[in-house]
C-alpha atoms as a PDB file:
ATOM      1  CA  MET A   1      67.747  87.473  71.944  1.00  0.00           C
ATOM      2  CA  VAL A   2      64.510  86.414  71.922  1.00  0.00           C
ATOM      3  CA  TRP A   3      61.914  88.145  70.250  1.00  0.00           C
ATOM      4  CA  LYS A   4      58.339  86.759  71.554  1.00  0.00           C
ATOM      5  CA  LYS A   5      54.882  88.265  72.776  1.00  0.00           C
ATOM      6  CA  ASP A   6      53.068  87.882  75.750  1.00  0.00           C
ATOM      7  CA  LYS A   7      48.941  86.515  76.708  1.00  0.00           C
ATOM      8  CA  ASP A   8      48.455  89.846  75.325  1.00  0.00           C
ATOM      9  CA  GLY A   9      49.871  90.178  72.696  1.00  0.00           C
ATOM     10  CA  ASN A  10      52.815  92.704  73.103  1.00  0.00           C
ATOM     11  CA  PRO A  11      55.927  92.669  72.303  1.00  0.00           C
ATOM     12  CA  TRP A  12      58.538  90.586  75.189  1.00  0.00           C
ATOM     13  CA  ILE A  13      61.769  90.911  74.544  1.00  0.00           C
ATOM     14  CA  GLY A  14      65.263  89.526  76.093  1.00  0.00           C
ATOM     15  CA  VAL A  15      68.883  88.533  76.071  1.00  0.00           C
ATOM     16  CA  THR A  16      70.086  84.906  76.278  1.00  0.00           C
ATOM     17  CA  CYS A  17      73.599  85.122  75.452  1.00  0.00           C
ATOM     18  CA  GLU A  18      75.340  83.750  78.840  1.00  0.00           C
ATOM     19  CA  THR A  19      77.356  81.056  77.969  1.00  0.00           C
ATOM     20  CA  ASP A  20      78.820  83.202  75.052  1.00  0.00           C
ATOM     21  CA  GLY A  21      78.514  86.674  76.806  1.00  0.00           C
ATOM     22  CA  GLY A  22      77.516  90.047  76.368  1.00  0.00           C
ATOM     23  CA  SER A  23      80.224  90.688  72.893  1.00  0.00           C
ATOM     24  CA  LEU A  24      77.393  88.762  70.229  1.00  0.00           C
ATOM     25  CA  TRP A  25      74.847  91.745  71.426  1.00  0.00           C
ATOM     26  CA  PHE A  26      77.006  95.399  72.319  1.00  0.00           C
ATOM     27  CA  PRO A  27      80.341  96.475  72.160  1.00  0.00           C
ATOM     28  CA  CYS A  28      83.069  95.356  74.929  1.00  0.00           C
ATOM     29  CA  LYS A  29      86.028  94.071  76.339  1.00  0.00           C
ATOM     30  CA  ASP A  30      84.437  90.393  76.844  1.00  0.00           C
ATOM     31  CA  HIS A  31      87.263  88.286  77.845  1.00  0.00           C
ATOM     32  CA  ILE A  32      86.887  86.047  81.255  1.00  0.00           C
ATOM     33  CA  SER A  33      89.804  87.174  82.938  1.00  0.00           C
ATOM     34  CA  ASP A  34      88.168  91.009  83.192  1.00  0.00           C
ATOM     35  CA  GLU A  35      84.941  92.339  84.651  1.00  0.00           C
ATOM     36  CA  PRO A  36      84.002  95.886  84.512  1.00  0.00           C
ATOM     37  CA  ASP A  37      83.462  97.488  87.777  1.00  0.00           C
ATOM     38  CA  SER A  38      80.026  99.404  87.056  1.00  0.00           C
ATOM     39  CA  VAL A  39      77.728  99.068  83.536  1.00  0.00           C
ATOM     40  CA  ARG A  40      74.722 101.808  83.117  1.00  0.00           C
ATOM     41  CA  LEU A  41      72.700 100.748  80.048  1.00  0.00           C
ATOM     42  CA  SER A  42      70.429 103.108  78.447  1.00  0.00           C
ATOM     43  CA  MET A  43      67.755 101.674  75.826  1.00  0.00           C
ATOM     44  CA  SER A  44      64.315 103.389  74.393  1.00  0.00           C
ATOM     45  CA  VAL A  45      61.564 101.447  73.425  1.00  0.00           C
ATOM     46  CA  PRO A  46      57.833 102.449  72.369  1.00  0.00           C
ATOM     47  CA  PRO A  47      55.249 104.269  74.522  1.00  0.00           C
ATOM     48  CA  GLY A  48      53.612 101.365  77.115  1.00  0.00           C
ATOM     49  CA  LEU A  49      56.555  99.233  77.195  1.00  0.00           C
ATOM     50  CA  GLN A  50      59.632  99.347  79.462  1.00  0.00           C
ATOM     51  CA  VAL A  51      63.470  98.042  79.904  1.00  0.00           C
ATOM     52  CA  VAL A  52      64.331  96.001  83.002  1.00  0.00           C
ATOM     53  CA  SER A  53      68.350  95.369  83.218  1.00  0.00           C
ATOM     54  CA  ASN A  54      70.811  95.131  85.645  1.00  0.00           C
ATOM     55  CA  GLY A  55      71.219  96.557  88.335  1.00  0.00           C
ATOM     56  CA  ILE A  56      68.855  99.595  89.541  1.00  0.00           C
ATOM     57  CA  LEU A  57      66.586 101.417  86.884  1.00  0.00           C
ATOM     58  CA  GLU A  58      68.545 105.152  87.444  1.00  0.00           C
ATOM     59  CA  SER A  59      66.235 107.226  85.146  1.00  0.00           C
ATOM     60  CA  HIS A  60      63.132 106.585  82.991  1.00  0.00           C
ATOM     61  CA  THR A  61      62.261 109.836  80.219  1.00  0.00           C
ATOM     62  CA  SER A  62      60.072 109.587  77.899  1.00  0.00           C
ATOM     63  CA  LYS A  63      60.425 112.015  74.575  1.00  0.00           C
ATOM     64  CA  SER A  64      59.223 111.938  70.823  1.00  0.00           C
ATOM     65  CA  GLY A  65      57.531 108.637  71.221  1.00  0.00           C
ATOM     66  CA  LYS A  66      59.791 106.423  73.250  1.00  0.00           C
ATOM     67  CA  GLU A  67      60.211 105.819  76.194  1.00  0.00           C
ATOM     68  CA  THR A  68      64.020 105.242  78.046  1.00  0.00           C
ATOM     69  CA  PHE A  69      65.497 103.737  80.675  1.00  0.00           C
ATOM     70  CA  THR A  70      68.913 103.872  82.212  1.00  0.00           C
ATOM     71  CA  TRP A  71      69.606 101.283  84.597  1.00  0.00           C
ATOM     72  CA  SER A  72      73.036 101.355  86.128  1.00  0.00           C
ATOM     73  CA  THR A  73      74.895  98.856  88.923  1.00  0.00           C
ATOM     74  CA  HIS A  74      78.178  99.952  90.971  1.00  0.00           C
ATOM     75  CA  TYR A  75      79.680  96.835  91.339  1.00  0.00           C
ATOM     76  CA  PRO A  76      81.865  93.893  89.649  1.00  0.00           C
ATOM     77  CA  ILE A  77      79.868  91.918  86.771  1.00  0.00           C
ATOM     78  CA  ASN A  78      80.964  89.636  84.249  1.00  0.00           C
ATOM     79  CA  ILE A  79      80.142  90.539  80.737  1.00  0.00           C
ATOM     80  CA  TYR A  80      78.190  87.825  80.321  1.00  0.00           C
ATOM     81  CA  ASN A  81      76.024  88.395  83.179  1.00  0.00           C
ATOM     82  CA  ILE A  82      74.674  92.031  81.414  1.00  0.00           C
ATOM     83  CA  THR A  83      71.481  91.005  79.876  1.00  0.00           C
ATOM     84  CA  PHE A  84      67.525  93.086  79.883  1.00  0.00           C
ATOM     85  CA  TYR A  85      64.691  92.602  78.886  1.00  0.00           C
ATOM     86  CA  ALA A  86      61.928  94.979  77.234  1.00  0.00           C
ATOM     87  CA  GLY A  87      57.989  94.131  77.841  1.00  0.00           C
ATOM     88  CA  LYS A  88      55.254  95.614  79.471  1.00  0.00           C
ATOM     89  CA  TYR A  89      55.263  94.655  82.487  1.00  0.00           C
ATOM     90  CA  GLU A  90      53.732  94.701  86.404  1.00  0.00           C
ATOM     91  CA  HIS A  91      55.921  96.445  88.674  1.00  0.00           C
ATOM     92  CA  PHE A  92      56.560  94.930  92.501  1.00  0.00           C
ATOM     93  CA  ASN A  93      58.445  95.904  95.018  1.00  0.00           C
ATOM     94  CA  ASP A  94      59.474  95.078  98.785  1.00  0.00           C
ATOM     95  CA  THR A  95      61.954  96.316 101.526  1.00  0.00           C
ATOM     96  CA  MET A  96      64.284  93.856 103.657  1.00  0.00           C
ATOM     97  CA  ALA A  97      66.473  95.334 106.066  1.00  0.00           C
ATOM     98  CA  THR A  98      69.903  93.813 106.406  1.00  0.00           C
ATOM     99  CA  GLU A  99      72.957  94.415 108.136  1.00  0.00           C
ATOM    100  CA  GLN A 100      74.479  97.031 104.365  1.00  0.00           C
ATOM    101  CA  GLY A 101      71.304  98.404 105.633  1.00  0.00           C
ATOM    102  CA  ILE A 102      67.908  98.548 104.217  1.00  0.00           C
ATOM    103  CA  LEU A 103      67.790  96.719 100.891  1.00  0.00           C
ATOM    104  CA  ASN A 104      64.790  97.739  97.964  1.00  0.00           C
ATOM    105  CA  LEU A 105      63.462  94.846  96.332  1.00  0.00           C
ATOM    106  CA  ASP A 106      61.838  95.454  92.751  1.00  0.00           C
ATOM    107  CA  TYR A 107      60.298  92.941  91.024  1.00  0.00           C
ATOM    108  CA  TYR A 108      59.080  93.652  87.303  1.00  0.00           C
ATOM    109  CA  VAL A 109      57.054  90.454  85.220  1.00  0.00           C
ATOM    110  CA  LEU A 110      54.467  89.915  82.579  1.00  0.00           C
ATOM    111  CA  LYS A 111      51.020  90.168  84.067  1.00  0.00           C
ATOM    112  CA  GLU A 112      50.230  87.064  83.368  1.00  0.00           C
ATOM    113  CA  ASN A 113      52.938  86.013  85.633  1.00  0.00           C
ATOM    114  CA  LEU A 114      52.252  88.648  88.151  1.00  0.00           C
ATOM    115  CA  GLU A 115      50.074  86.179  90.680  1.00  0.00           C
ATOM    116  CA  LYS A 116      52.968  83.078  90.194  1.00  0.00           C
ATOM    117  CA  ALA A 117      56.017  85.620  91.001  1.00  0.00           C
ATOM    118  CA  LYS A 118      54.506  86.863  94.108  1.00  0.00           C
ATOM    119  CA  GLU A 119      54.338  83.752  95.346  1.00  0.00           C
ATOM    120  CA  HIS A 120      57.521  82.493  93.722  1.00  0.00           C
ATOM    121  CA  PHE A 121      59.284  85.522  94.516  1.00  0.00           C
ATOM    122  CA  ARG A 122      58.620  85.212  98.653  1.00  0.00           C
ATOM    123  CA  GLN A 123      61.241  83.087  98.970  1.00  0.00           C
ATOM    124  CA  VAL A 124      63.552  86.575  98.257  1.00  0.00           C
ATOM    125  CA  LYS A 125      64.543  87.549 101.430  1.00  0.00           C
ATOM    126  CA  ASP A 126      65.125  83.706 103.004  1.00  0.00           C
ATOM    127  CA  VAL A 127      68.000  83.117  99.603  1.00  0.00           C
ATOM    128  CA  ILE A 128      69.737  86.621 100.923  1.00  0.00           C
ATOM    129  CA  SER A 129      69.529  86.204 104.362  1.00  0.00           C
ATOM    130  CA  PHE A 130      71.255  82.253 103.546  1.00  0.00           C
ATOM    131  CA  LEU A 131      73.544  85.032 101.373  1.00  0.00           C
ATOM    132  CA  LEU A 132      74.566  87.161 103.643  1.00  0.00           C
ATOM    133  CA  GLN A 133      75.468  84.664 106.363  1.00  0.00           C
ATOM    134  CA  ILE A 134      77.246  82.596 103.927  1.00  0.00           C
ATOM    135  CA  PHE A 135      79.250  85.755 101.990  1.00  0.00           C
ATOM    136  CA  ARG A 136      78.712  88.181 105.066  1.00  0.00           C
ATOM    137  CA  ALA A 137      78.317  91.193 101.733  1.00  0.00           C
ATOM    138  CA  LEU A 138      77.096  90.460  99.053  1.00  0.00           C
ATOM    139  CA  PRO A 139      78.165  92.207  95.467  1.00  0.00           C
ATOM    140  CA  MET A 140      74.578  94.112  95.292  1.00  0.00           C
ATOM    141  CA  ASP A 141      74.032  98.155  94.683  1.00  0.00           C
ATOM    142  CA  LYS A 142      73.122  99.661  98.806  1.00  0.00           C
ATOM    143  CA  ARG A 143      69.667 101.338  96.207  1.00  0.00           C
ATOM    144  CA  GLY A 144      68.340  97.748  96.582  1.00  0.00           C
ATOM    145  CA  ILE A 145      68.185  94.606  93.866  1.00  0.00           C
ATOM    146  CA  GLN A 146      65.917  94.225  91.279  1.00  0.00           C
ATOM    147  CA  ALA A 147      64.526  90.799  89.491  1.00  0.00           C
ATOM    148  CA  CYS A 148      62.635  90.581  86.364  1.00  0.00           C
ATOM    149  CA  GLY A 149      60.294  87.459  85.835  1.00  0.00           C
ATOM    150  CA  GLY A 150      59.377  87.545  82.557  1.00  0.00           C
ATOM    151  CA  THR A 151      59.266  83.609  81.607  1.00  0.00           C
ATOM    152  CA  LEU A 152      57.952  82.761  84.813  1.00  0.00           C
END
């Protein structure tokens, strides 16, 4: 886990276990021969912070001095790719038309990285278009894709 602070002193937390796998931070069947067909992750943080994870934001509730965020995927995902970040994020979005339908493109970045992220993420549509030409379909939730750029 990474426990840092952004430039404004807000907590910024993330997972850094891609090579070792999710079993370092949550109970799971962590074997290279198996992938879950979907994932739902719910996490609570103090007010003012957000949790960003794989897939699509399913719900956000505020109760008893905490914010709870539930993220889900509806496609197979490797255990070692399941992740989350918590911090004080800025959110911006876009859409993209594909043969699979309209994709919502949601981006969550730390405030100090907002302008840099808007520039960097301009290439997302071109990258997705290229991958669609090569693979014809991508394993993503048709409700959209999400990106977290905590350390751009």
